[in-house]
PDB file of N, CA and C in Angstrom:
ATOM      1  N   GLY A   1       7.411 -28.945  12.921  1.00  0.00           N
ATOM      2  CA  GLY A   1       8.777 -29.363  13.099  1.00  0.00           C
ATOM      3  C   GLY A   1       9.725 -28.825  12.033  1.00  0.00           C
ATOM      4  N   TYR A   2       9.281 -27.896  11.214  1.00  0.00           N
ATOM      5  CA  TYR A   2      10.131 -27.344  10.158  1.00  0.00           C
ATOM      6  C   TYR A   2      10.363 -25.866  10.397  1.00  0.00           C
ATOM      7  N   LEU A   3      11.525 -25.413  10.033  1.00  0.00           N
ATOM      8  CA  LEU A   3      11.804 -23.980  10.091  1.00  0.00           C
ATOM      9  C   LEU A   3      11.110 -23.298   8.921  1.00  0.00           C
ATOM     10  N   LYS A   4      10.422 -22.205   9.206  1.00  0.00           N
ATOM     11  CA  LYS A   4       9.694 -21.481   8.170  1.00  0.00           C
ATOM     12  C   LYS A   4      10.633 -21.058   7.047  1.00  0.00           C
ATOM     13  N   SER A   5      11.828 -20.614   7.401  1.00  0.00           N
ATOM     14  CA  SER A   5      12.793 -20.166   6.385  1.00  0.00           C
ATOM     15  C   SER A   5      13.236 -21.327   5.491  1.00  0.00           C
ATOM     16  N   SER A   6      13.343 -22.524   6.055  1.00  0.00           N
ATOM     17  CA  SER A   6      13.729 -23.695   5.258  1.00  0.00           C
ATOM     18  C   SER A   6      12.616 -24.096   4.295  1.00  0.00           C
ATOM     19  N   VAL A   7      11.380 -24.019   4.758  1.00  0.00           N
ATOM     20  CA  VAL A   7      10.246 -24.358   3.904  1.00  0.00           C
ATOM     21  C   VAL A   7      10.139 -23.339   2.770  1.00  0.00           C
ATOM     22  N   GLU A   8      10.298 -22.072   3.090  1.00  0.00           N
ATOM     23  CA  GLU A   8      10.224 -21.046   2.049  1.00  0.00           C
ATOM     24  C   GLU A   8      11.334 -21.229   1.016  1.00  0.00           C
ATOM     25  N   ALA A   9      12.544 -21.526   1.471  1.00  0.00           N
ATOM     26  CA  ALA A   9      13.658 -21.763   0.545  1.00  0.00           C
ATOM     27  C   ALA A   9      13.364 -22.971  -0.349  1.00  0.00           C
ATOM     28  N   ALA A  10      12.772 -24.013   0.222  1.00  0.00           N
ATOM     29  CA  ALA A  10      12.436 -25.200  -0.572  1.00  0.00           C
ATOM     30  C   ALA A  10      11.344 -24.882  -1.594  1.00  0.00           C
ATOM     31  N   LEU A  11      10.377 -24.035  -1.227  1.00  0.00           N
ATOM     32  CA  LEU A  11       9.334 -23.624  -2.169  1.00  0.00           C
ATOM     33  C   LEU A  11       9.917 -22.800  -3.311  1.00  0.00           C
ATOM     34  N   VAL A  12      10.789 -21.872  -2.976  1.00  0.00           N
ATOM     35  CA  VAL A  12      11.440 -21.046  -4.010  1.00  0.00           C
ATOM     36  C   VAL A  12      12.196 -21.939  -4.982  1.00  0.00           C
ATOM     37  N   ASP A  13      12.898 -22.927  -4.452  1.00  0.00           N
ATOM     38  CA  ASP A  13      13.639 -23.855  -5.313  1.00  0.00           C
ATOM     39  C   ASP A  13      12.686 -24.697  -6.167  1.00  0.00           C
ATOM     40  N   ALA A  14      11.613 -25.197  -5.549  1.00  0.00           N
ATOM     41  CA  ALA A  14      10.665 -26.064  -6.267  1.00  0.00           C
ATOM     42  C   ALA A  14       9.989 -25.344  -7.423  1.00  0.00           C
ATOM     43  N   PHE A  15       9.802 -24.042  -7.292  1.00  0.00           N
ATOM     44  CA  PHE A  15       9.116 -23.283  -8.333  1.00  0.00           C
ATOM     45  C   PHE A  15      10.070 -22.450  -9.185  1.00  0.00           C
ATOM     46  N   GLY A  16      11.339 -22.663  -9.037  1.00  0.00           N
ATOM     47  CA  GLY A  16      12.321 -21.905  -9.805  1.00  0.00           C
ATOM     48  C   GLY A  16      12.380 -22.311 -11.270  1.00  0.00           C
ATOM     49  N   THR A  17      13.179 -21.556 -12.020  1.00  0.00           N
ATOM     50  CA  THR A  17      13.299 -21.814 -13.455  1.00  0.00           C
ATOM     51  C   THR A  17      14.026 -23.117 -13.752  1.00  0.00           C
ATOM     52  N   SER A  18      14.691 -23.698 -12.754  1.00  0.00           N
ATOM     53  CA  SER A  18      15.337 -24.993 -12.997  1.00  0.00           C
ATOM     54  C   SER A  18      14.429 -26.153 -12.596  1.00  0.00           C
ATOM     55  N   ASN A  19      13.250 -25.847 -12.051  1.00  0.00           N
ATOM     56  CA  ASN A  19      12.310 -26.900 -11.650  1.00  0.00           C
ATOM     57  C   ASN A  19      10.949 -26.678 -12.314  1.00  0.00           C
ATOM     58  N   PHE A  20       9.934 -26.324 -11.531  1.00  0.00           N
ATOM     59  CA  PHE A  20       8.571 -26.219 -12.057  1.00  0.00           C
ATOM     60  C   PHE A  20       8.472 -25.263 -13.242  1.00  0.00           C
ATOM     61  N   PHE A  21       9.037 -24.085 -13.112  1.00  0.00           N
ATOM     62  CA  PHE A  21       8.920 -23.090 -14.179  1.00  0.00           C
ATOM     63  C   PHE A  21      10.054 -23.155 -15.198  1.00  0.00           C
ATOM     64  N   ASN A  22      10.650 -24.317 -15.336  1.00  0.00           N
ATOM     65  CA  ASN A  22      11.607 -24.528 -16.413  1.00  0.00           C
ATOM     66  C   ASN A  22      10.837 -24.440 -17.727  1.00  0.00           C
ATOM     67  N   PRO A  23      11.296 -23.611 -18.673  1.00  0.00           N
ATOM     68  CA  PRO A  23      10.564 -23.476 -19.941  1.00  0.00           C
ATOM     69  C   PRO A  23      10.356 -24.801 -20.669  1.00  0.00           C
ATOM     70  N   ASP A  24      11.204 -25.776 -20.413  1.00  0.00           N
ATOM     71  CA  ASP A  24      11.042 -27.085 -21.060  1.00  0.00           C
ATOM     72  C   ASP A  24       9.811 -27.849 -20.550  1.00  0.00           C
ATOM     73  N   ASN A  25       9.237 -27.404 -19.434  1.00  0.00           N
ATOM     74  CA  ASN A  25       8.057 -28.064 -18.874  1.00  0.00           C
ATOM     75  C   ASN A  25       6.751 -27.581 -19.496  1.00  0.00           C
ATOM     76  N   PHE A  26       6.836 -26.591 -20.383  1.00  0.00           N
ATOM     77  CA  PHE A  26       5.634 -26.017 -20.980  1.00  0.00           C
ATOM     78  C   PHE A  26       5.792 -25.957 -22.496  1.00  0.00           C
ATOM     79  N   THR A  27       4.665 -25.934 -23.173  1.00  0.00           N
ATOM     80  CA  THR A  27       4.674 -25.707 -24.611  1.00  0.00           C
ATOM     81  C   THR A  27       3.981 -24.373 -24.863  1.00  0.00           C
ATOM     82  N   PHE A  28       4.190 -23.813 -26.031  1.00  0.00           N
ATOM     83  CA  PHE A  28       3.586 -22.539 -26.376  1.00  0.00           C
ATOM     84  C   PHE A  28       2.073 -22.627 -26.269  1.00  0.00           C
ATOM     85  N   GLY A  29       1.481 -21.630 -25.603  1.00  0.00           N
ATOM     86  CA  GLY A  29       0.036 -21.561 -25.486  1.00  0.00           C
ATOM     87  C   GLY A  29      -0.571 -22.478 -24.439  1.00  0.00           C
ATOM     88  N   GLN A  30       0.249 -23.266 -23.755  1.00  0.00           N
ATOM     89  CA  GLN A  30      -0.260 -24.191 -22.739  1.00  0.00           C
ATOM     90  C   GLN A  30      -0.748 -23.402 -21.529  1.00  0.00           C
ATOM     91  N   PRO A  31      -1.954 -23.699 -21.030  1.00  0.00           N
ATOM     92  CA  PRO A  31      -2.440 -22.992 -19.848  1.00  0.00           C
ATOM     93  C   PRO A  31      -1.700 -23.434 -18.592  1.00  0.00           C
ATOM     94  N   LEU A  32      -1.773 -22.613 -17.574  1.00  0.00           N
ATOM     95  CA  LEU A  32      -1.191 -22.922 -16.279  1.00  0.00           C
ATOM     96  C   LEU A  32      -2.346 -23.132 -15.312  1.00  0.00           C
ATOM     97  N   TYR A  33      -2.375 -24.291 -14.679  1.00  0.00           N
ATOM     98  CA  TYR A  33      -3.462 -24.634 -13.779  1.00  0.00           C
ATOM     99  C   TYR A  33      -3.039 -24.447 -12.327  1.00  0.00           C
ATOM    100  N   LEU A  34      -3.894 -23.802 -11.563  1.00  0.00           N
ATOM    101  CA  LEU A  34      -3.642 -23.605 -10.142  1.00  0.00           C
ATOM    102  C   LEU A  34      -3.445 -24.945  -9.443  1.00  0.00           C
ATOM    103  N   SER A  35      -4.165 -25.962  -9.858  1.00  0.00           N
ATOM    104  CA  SER A  35      -4.055 -27.282  -9.228  1.00  0.00           C
ATOM    105  C   SER A  35      -2.643 -27.846  -9.341  1.00  0.00           C
ATOM    106  N   ARG A  36      -1.943 -27.566 -10.439  1.00  0.00           N
ATOM    107  CA  ARG A  36      -0.555 -28.038 -10.583  1.00  0.00           C
ATOM    108  C   ARG A  36       0.361 -27.325  -9.594  1.00  0.00           C
ATOM    109  N   LEU A  37       0.099 -26.035  -9.369  1.00  0.00           N
ATOM    110  CA  LEU A  37       0.901 -25.286  -8.394  1.00  0.00           C
ATOM    111  C   LEU A  37       0.663 -25.823  -6.984  1.00  0.00           C
ATOM    112  N   VAL A  38      -0.588 -26.088  -6.666  1.00  0.00           N
ATOM    113  CA  VAL A  38      -0.933 -26.615  -5.346  1.00  0.00           C
ATOM    114  C   VAL A  38      -0.278 -27.983  -5.141  1.00  0.00           C
ATOM    115  N   ALA A  39      -0.366 -28.852  -6.123  1.00  0.00           N
ATOM    116  CA  ALA A  39       0.232 -30.188  -6.009  1.00  0.00           C
ATOM    117  C   ALA A  39       1.736 -30.094  -5.803  1.00  0.00           C
ATOM    118  N   LYS A  40       2.389 -29.206  -6.534  1.00  0.00           N
ATOM    119  CA  LYS A  40       3.840 -29.033  -6.389  1.00  0.00           C
ATOM    120  C   LYS A  40       4.174 -28.538  -4.986  1.00  0.00           C
ATOM    121  N   ALA A  41       3.429 -27.556  -4.495  1.00  0.00           N
ATOM    122  CA  ALA A  41       3.684 -27.017  -3.162  1.00  0.00           C
ATOM    123  C   ALA A  41       3.478 -28.075  -2.082  1.00  0.00           C
ATOM    124  N   LEU A  42       2.442 -28.892  -2.227  1.00  0.00           N
ATOM    125  CA  LEU A  42       2.176 -29.933  -1.232  1.00  0.00           C
ATOM    126  C   LEU A  42       3.257 -31.007  -1.220  1.00  0.00           C
ATOM    127  N   GLY A  43       4.027 -31.092  -2.283  1.00  0.00           N
ATOM    128  CA  GLY A  43       5.126 -32.053  -2.335  1.00  0.00           C
ATOM    129  C   GLY A  43       6.391 -31.564  -1.648  1.00  0.00           C
ATOM    130  N   VAL A  44       6.386 -30.335  -1.185  1.00  0.00           N
ATOM    131  CA  VAL A  44       7.558 -29.767  -0.504  1.00  0.00           C
ATOM    132  C   VAL A  44       7.489 -30.142   0.974  1.00  0.00           C
ATOM    133  N   PRO A  45       8.559 -30.734   1.516  1.00  0.00           N
ATOM    134  CA  PRO A  45       8.557 -31.091   2.935  1.00  0.00           C
ATOM    135  C   PRO A  45       8.282 -29.874   3.818  1.00  0.00           C
ATOM    136  N   GLY A  46       7.359 -30.060   4.755  1.00  0.00           N
ATOM    137  CA  GLY A  46       6.986 -28.984   5.663  1.00  0.00           C
ATOM    138  C   GLY A  46       5.716 -28.266   5.262  1.00  0.00           C
ATOM    139  N   VAL A  47       5.251 -28.464   4.037  1.00  0.00           N
ATOM    140  CA  VAL A  47       3.989 -27.856   3.603  1.00  0.00           C
ATOM    141  C   VAL A  47       2.864 -28.822   3.955  1.00  0.00           C
ATOM    142  N   MET A  48       1.983 -28.378   4.815  1.00  0.00           N
ATOM    143  CA  MET A  48       0.876 -29.225   5.264  1.00  0.00           C
ATOM    144  C   MET A  48      -0.415 -28.931   4.510  1.00  0.00           C
ATOM    145  N   ALA A  49      -0.559 -27.692   4.031  1.00  0.00           N
ATOM    146  CA  ALA A  49      -1.787 -27.303   3.330  1.00  0.00           C
ATOM    147  C   ALA A  49      -1.496 -26.080   2.469  1.00  0.00           C
ATOM    148  N   VAL A  50      -2.337 -25.881   1.476  1.00  0.00           N
ATOM    149  CA  VAL A  50      -2.258 -24.706   0.613  1.00  0.00           C
ATOM    150  C   VAL A  50      -3.647 -24.094   0.575  1.00  0.00           C
ATOM    151  N   ASP A  51      -3.739 -22.825   0.951  1.00  0.00           N
ATOM    152  CA  ASP A  51      -5.027 -22.133   0.972  1.00  0.00           C
ATOM    153  C   ASP A  51      -5.159 -21.299  -0.289  1.00  0.00           C
ATOM    154  N   THR A  52      -6.072 -21.676  -1.154  1.00  0.00           N
ATOM    155  CA  THR A  52      -6.309 -20.915  -2.382  1.00  0.00           C
ATOM    156  C   THR A  52      -7.560 -20.056  -2.261  1.00  0.00           C
ATOM    157  N   THR A  53      -8.133 -19.992  -1.073  1.00  0.00           N
ATOM    158  CA  THR A  53      -9.331 -19.197  -0.858  1.00  0.00           C
ATOM    159  C   THR A  53      -9.004 -17.911  -0.123  1.00  0.00           C
ATOM    160  N   ASP A  54      -7.802 -17.423  -0.297  1.00  0.00           N
ATOM    161  CA  ASP A  54      -7.344 -16.209   0.367  1.00  0.00           C
ATOM    162  C   ASP A  54      -8.344 -15.076   0.156  1.00  0.00           C
ATOM    163  N   VAL A  55      -8.375 -14.162   1.089  1.00  0.00           N
ATOM    164  CA  VAL A  55      -9.332 -13.060   0.995  1.00  0.00           C
ATOM    165  C   VAL A  55      -9.055 -12.148  -0.194  1.00  0.00           C
ATOM    166  N   GLU A  56      -7.833 -12.120  -0.667  1.00  0.00           N
ATOM    167  CA  GLU A  56      -7.545 -11.331  -1.862  1.00  0.00           C
ATOM    168  C   GLU A  56      -7.759 -12.238  -3.062  1.00  0.00           C
ATOM    169  N   PRO A  57      -8.795 -11.986  -3.873  1.00  0.00           N
ATOM    170  CA  PRO A  57      -9.180 -12.930  -4.915  1.00  0.00           C
ATOM    171  C   PRO A  57      -8.328 -12.893  -6.177  1.00  0.00           C
ATOM    172  N   ASN A  58      -7.315 -12.081  -6.225  1.00  0.00           N
ATOM    173  CA  ASN A  58      -6.589 -11.961  -7.482  1.00  0.00           C
ATOM    174  C   ASN A  58      -5.106 -12.284  -7.341  1.00  0.00           C
ATOM    175  N   ARG A  59      -4.794 -13.237  -6.531  1.00  0.00           N
ATOM    176  CA  ARG A  59      -3.387 -13.610  -6.375  1.00  0.00           C
ATOM    177  C   ARG A  59      -2.896 -14.470  -7.525  1.00  0.00           C
ATOM    178  N   PHE A  60      -3.733 -15.267  -8.089  1.00  0.00           N
ATOM    179  CA  PHE A  60      -3.354 -16.148  -9.196  1.00  0.00           C
ATOM    180  C   PHE A  60      -3.754 -15.458 -10.487  1.00  0.00           C
ATOM    181  N   GLN A  61      -2.818 -14.688 -11.028  1.00  0.00           N
ATOM    182  CA  GLN A  61      -3.100 -13.959 -12.257  1.00  0.00           C
ATOM    183  C   GLN A  61      -1.802 -13.632 -12.965  1.00  0.00           C
ATOM    184  N   ARG A  62      -1.932 -13.168 -14.179  1.00  0.00           N
ATOM    185  CA  ARG A  62      -0.777 -12.787 -14.978  1.00  0.00           C
ATOM    186  C   ARG A  62      -0.186 -11.498 -14.440  1.00  0.00           C
ATOM    187  N   GLU A  63       1.120 -11.437 -14.349  1.00  0.00           N
ATOM    188  CA  GLU A  63       1.817 -10.229 -13.895  1.00  0.00           C
ATOM    189  C   GLU A  63       1.513  -9.085 -14.850  1.00  0.00           C
ATOM    190  N   GLY A  64       1.213  -7.935 -14.286  1.00  0.00           N
ATOM    191  CA  GLY A  64       0.971  -6.755 -15.095  1.00  0.00           C
ATOM    192  C   GLY A  64      -0.433  -6.652 -15.647  1.00  0.00           C
ATOM    193  N   SER A  65      -1.271  -7.658 -15.417  1.00  0.00           N
ATOM    194  CA  SER A  65      -2.640  -7.587 -15.926  1.00  0.00           C
ATOM    195  C   SER A  65      -3.473  -6.725 -14.988  1.00  0.00           C
ATOM    196  N   VAL A  66      -4.571  -6.237 -15.508  1.00  0.00           N
ATOM    197  CA  VAL A  66      -5.506  -5.495 -14.675  1.00  0.00           C
ATOM    198  C   VAL A  66      -6.005  -6.450 -13.607  1.00  0.00           C
ATOM    199  N   ARG A  67      -6.055  -5.973 -12.366  1.00  0.00           N
ATOM    200  CA  ARG A  67      -6.449  -6.851 -11.263  1.00  0.00           C
ATOM    201  C   ARG A  67      -7.844  -7.404 -11.499  1.00  0.00           C
ATOM    202  N   GLN A  68      -7.895  -8.701 -11.630  1.00  0.00           N
ATOM    203  CA  GLN A  68      -9.146  -9.401 -11.889  1.00  0.00           C
ATOM    204  C   GLN A  68      -9.296 -10.523 -10.866  1.00  0.00           C
ATOM    205  N   PRO A  69     -10.519 -10.978 -10.674  1.00  0.00           N
ATOM    206  CA  PRO A  69     -10.688 -12.131  -9.779  1.00  0.00           C
ATOM    207  C   PRO A  69      -9.944 -13.348 -10.318  1.00  0.00           C
ATOM    208  N   MET A  70      -9.562 -14.233  -9.402  1.00  0.00           N
ATOM    209  CA  MET A  70      -8.919 -15.469  -9.806  1.00  0.00           C
ATOM    210  C   MET A  70      -9.863 -16.221 -10.742  1.00  0.00           C
ATOM    211  N   PRO A  71      -9.329 -16.777 -11.830  1.00  0.00           N
ATOM    212  CA  PRO A  71     -10.201 -17.525 -12.746  1.00  0.00           C
ATOM    213  C   PRO A  71     -10.933 -18.633 -12.004  1.00  0.00           C
ATOM    214  N   ARG A  72     -12.233 -18.733 -12.212  1.00  0.00           N
ATOM    215  CA  ARG A  72     -13.036 -19.741 -11.515  1.00  0.00           C
ATOM    216  C   ARG A  72     -12.552 -21.156 -11.785  1.00  0.00           C
ATOM    217  N   ASP A  73     -12.067 -21.387 -12.982  1.00  0.00           N
ATOM    218  CA  ASP A  73     -11.607 -22.728 -13.321  1.00  0.00           C
ATOM    219  C   ASP A  73     -10.146 -22.951 -12.936  1.00  0.00           C
ATOM    220  N   GLY A  74      -9.511 -21.945 -12.294  1.00  0.00           N
ATOM    221  CA  GLY A  74      -8.124 -22.095 -11.864  1.00  0.00           C
ATOM    222  C   GLY A  74      -7.154 -22.251 -13.015  1.00  0.00           C
ATOM    223  N   GLU A  75      -7.466 -21.638 -14.139  1.00  0.00           N
ATOM    224  CA  GLU A  75      -6.642 -21.786 -15.337  1.00  0.00           C
ATOM    225  C   GLU A  75      -6.228 -20.412 -15.852  1.00  0.00           C
ATOM    226  N   LEU A  76      -4.920 -20.206 -15.976  1.00  0.00           N
ATOM    227  CA  LEU A  76      -4.411 -19.001 -16.630  1.00  0.00           C
ATOM    228  C   LEU A  76      -4.111 -19.363 -18.069  1.00  0.00           C
ATOM    229  N   ARG A  77      -4.689 -18.632 -18.976  1.00  0.00           N
ATOM    230  CA  ARG A  77      -4.506 -18.923 -20.400  1.00  0.00           C
ATOM    231  C   ARG A  77      -3.406 -18.040 -20.983  1.00  0.00           C
ATOM    232  N   PHE A  78      -2.740 -18.576 -21.977  1.00  0.00           N
ATOM    233  CA  PHE A  78      -1.652 -17.867 -22.641  1.00  0.00           C
ATOM    234  C   PHE A  78      -1.884 -17.879 -24.143  1.00  0.00           C
ATOM    235  N   ASP A  79      -1.384 -16.843 -24.787  1.00  0.00           N
ATOM    236  CA  ASP A  79      -1.481 -16.780 -26.245  1.00  0.00           C
ATOM    237  C   ASP A  79      -0.636 -17.885 -26.858  1.00  0.00           C
ATOM    238  N   ARG A  80      -0.866 -18.162 -28.120  1.00  0.00           N
ATOM    239  CA  ARG A  80      -0.214 -19.293 -28.777  1.00  0.00           C
ATOM    240  C   ARG A  80       1.300 -19.179 -28.854  1.00  0.00           C
ATOM    241  N   LEU A  81       1.858 -17.992 -28.676  1.00  0.00           N
ATOM    242  CA  LEU A  81       3.306 -17.815 -28.713  1.00  0.00           C
ATOM    243  C   LEU A  81       3.886 -17.476 -27.335  1.00  0.00           C
ATOM    244  N   GLU A  82       3.133 -17.756 -26.279  1.00  0.00           N
ATOM    245  CA  GLU A  82       3.583 -17.473 -24.916  1.00  0.00           C
ATOM    246  C   GLU A  82       3.820 -18.759 -24.136  1.00  0.00           C
ATOM    247  N   ILE A  83       4.792 -18.675 -23.221  1.00  0.00           N
ATOM    248  CA  ILE A  83       5.089 -19.768 -22.300  1.00  0.00           C
ATOM    249  C   ILE A  83       5.097 -19.180 -20.892  1.00  0.00           C
ATOM    250  N   PRO A  84       4.427 -19.804 -19.919  1.00  0.00           N
ATOM    251  CA  PRO A  84       4.459 -19.274 -18.551  1.00  0.00           C
ATOM    252  C   PRO A  84       5.890 -19.258 -18.016  1.00  0.00           C
ATOM    253  N   GLN A  85       6.218 -18.179 -17.340  1.00  0.00           N
ATOM    254  CA  GLN A  85       7.536 -18.108 -16.713  1.00  0.00           C
ATOM    255  C   GLN A  85       7.446 -17.340 -15.407  1.00  0.00           C
ATOM    256  N   VAL A  86       8.351 -17.651 -14.501  1.00  0.00           N
ATOM    257  CA  VAL A  86       8.461 -16.948 -13.233  1.00  0.00           C
ATOM    258  C   VAL A  86       9.942 -16.769 -12.944  1.00  0.00           C
ATOM    259  N   LEU A  87      10.417 -15.553 -13.152  1.00  0.00           N
ATOM    260  CA  LEU A  87      11.823 -15.249 -12.870  1.00  0.00           C
ATOM    261  C   LEU A  87      11.999 -14.674 -11.471  1.00  0.00           C
ATOM    262  N   THR A  88      10.948 -14.055 -10.921  1.00  0.00           N
ATOM    263  CA  THR A  88      10.972 -13.420  -9.603  1.00  0.00           C
ATOM    264  C   THR A  88      12.185 -12.504  -9.467  1.00  0.00           C
ATOM    265  N   ASP A  89      12.413 -11.694 -10.474  1.00  0.00           N
ATOM    266  CA  ASP A  89      13.511 -10.728 -10.487  1.00  0.00           C
ATOM    267  C   ASP A  89      12.903  -9.329 -10.499  1.00  0.00           C
ATOM    268  N   PRO A  90      13.088  -8.562  -9.406  1.00  0.00           N
ATOM    269  CA  PRO A  90      12.471  -7.235  -9.337  1.00  0.00           C
ATOM    270  C   PRO A  90      12.861  -6.315 -10.500  1.00  0.00           C
ATOM    271  N   SER A  91      14.016  -6.531 -11.098  1.00  0.00           N
ATOM    272  CA  SER A  91      14.437  -5.680 -12.209  1.00  0.00           C
ATOM    273  C   SER A  91      13.782  -6.108 -13.527  1.00  0.00           C
ATOM    274  N   GLN A  92      13.100  -7.269 -13.540  1.00  0.00           N
ATOM    275  CA  GLN A  92      12.407  -7.760 -14.733  1.00  0.00           C
ATOM    276  C   GLN A  92      10.983  -8.182 -14.369  1.00  0.00           C
ATOM    277  N   PRO A  93      10.116  -7.232 -14.015  1.00  0.00           N
ATOM    278  CA  PRO A  93       8.765  -7.616 -13.586  1.00  0.00           C
ATOM    279  C   PRO A  93       7.978  -8.353 -14.660  1.00  0.00           C
ATOM    280  N   GLU A  94       8.307  -8.130 -15.917  1.00  0.00           N
ATOM    281  CA  GLU A  94       7.615  -8.844 -16.993  1.00  0.00           C
ATOM    282  C   GLU A  94       7.958 -10.328 -16.986  1.00  0.00           C
ATOM    283  N   GLY A  95       8.980 -10.723 -16.236  1.00  0.00           N
ATOM    284  CA  GLY A  95       9.389 -12.116 -16.148  1.00  0.00           C
ATOM    285  C   GLY A  95       8.588 -12.925 -15.146  1.00  0.00           C
ATOM    286  N   GLY A  96       7.576 -12.296 -14.527  1.00  0.00           N
ATOM    287  CA  GLY A  96       6.720 -13.007 -13.584  1.00  0.00           C
ATOM    288  C   GLY A  96       7.340 -13.126 -12.206  1.00  0.00           C
ATOM    289  N   ARG A  97       6.493 -13.437 -11.246  1.00  0.00           N
ATOM    290  CA  ARG A  97       6.962 -13.632  -9.873  1.00  0.00           C
ATOM    291  C   ARG A  97       6.018 -14.559  -9.147  1.00  0.00           C
ATOM    292  N   ILE A  98       6.533 -15.151  -8.113  1.00  0.00           N
ATOM    293  CA  ILE A  98       5.711 -15.998  -7.254  1.00  0.00           C
ATOM    294  C   ILE A  98       6.060 -15.634  -5.820  1.00  0.00           C
ATOM    295  N   GLN A  99       5.044 -15.555  -4.984  1.00  0.00           N
ATOM    296  CA  GLN A  99       5.233 -15.219  -3.584  1.00  0.00           C
ATOM    297  C   GLN A  99       4.578 -16.301  -2.733  1.00  0.00           C
ATOM    298  N   PHE A 100       5.159 -16.520  -1.562  1.00  0.00           N
ATOM    299  CA  PHE A 100       4.618 -17.499  -0.634  1.00  0.00           C
ATOM    300  C   PHE A 100       4.333 -16.798   0.687  1.00  0.00           C
ATOM    301  N   PHE A 101       3.199 -17.098   1.269  1.00  0.00           N
ATOM    302  CA  PHE A 101       2.803 -16.561   2.565  1.00  0.00           C
ATOM    303  C   PHE A 101       2.678 -17.750   3.491  1.00  0.00           C
ATOM    304  N   LEU A 102       3.604 -17.862   4.425  1.00  0.00           N
ATOM    305  CA  LEU A 102       3.674 -19.042   5.279  1.00  0.00           C
ATOM    306  C   LEU A 102       3.104 -18.758   6.653  1.00  0.00           C
ATOM    307  N   ASN A 103       2.412 -19.748   7.185  1.00  0.00           N
ATOM    308  CA  ASN A 103       1.887 -19.713   8.554  1.00  0.00           C
ATOM    309  C   ASN A 103       2.415 -20.923   9.289  1.00  0.00           C
ATOM    310  N   GLY A 104       2.554 -20.793  10.590  1.00  0.00           N
ATOM    311  CA  GLY A 104       2.998 -21.909  11.398  1.00  0.00           C
ATOM    312  C   GLY A 104       4.497 -22.106  11.295  1.00  0.00           C
ATOM    313  N   GLY A 105       4.943 -23.245  11.688  1.00  0.00           N
ATOM    314  CA  GLY A 105       6.372 -23.550  11.654  1.00  0.00           C
ATOM    315  C   GLY A 105       7.114 -22.854  12.786  1.00  0.00           C
ATOM    316  N   LEU A 106       8.405 -23.040  12.746  1.00  0.00           N
ATOM    317  CA  LEU A 106       9.268 -22.460  13.789  1.00  0.00           C
ATOM    318  C   LEU A 106       9.946 -21.215  13.304  1.00  0.00           C
TER     319      LEU A 106
END
């Protein structure tokens, strides 16, 4: 009963720098857990499920890193002076990005 475009817009907003990826939500060196991303996505109206077993095993990784399998523990680690960020700005790839692949909906 949800428009795919509306759900995607809500996901982009939920994970934007003013929400989930607000730098104030993280401390230096704090890891990023896949489970927190899944929980946030499931809280968006219209999201019924999140598939983290995608056939491409390296979707959850640091931008610019050598393609590696998704960490088994679902944890991305950061150096002591790093904070996770996602700007999703093509002109600043070092600022991170997040993509959503939606199925179903209208």
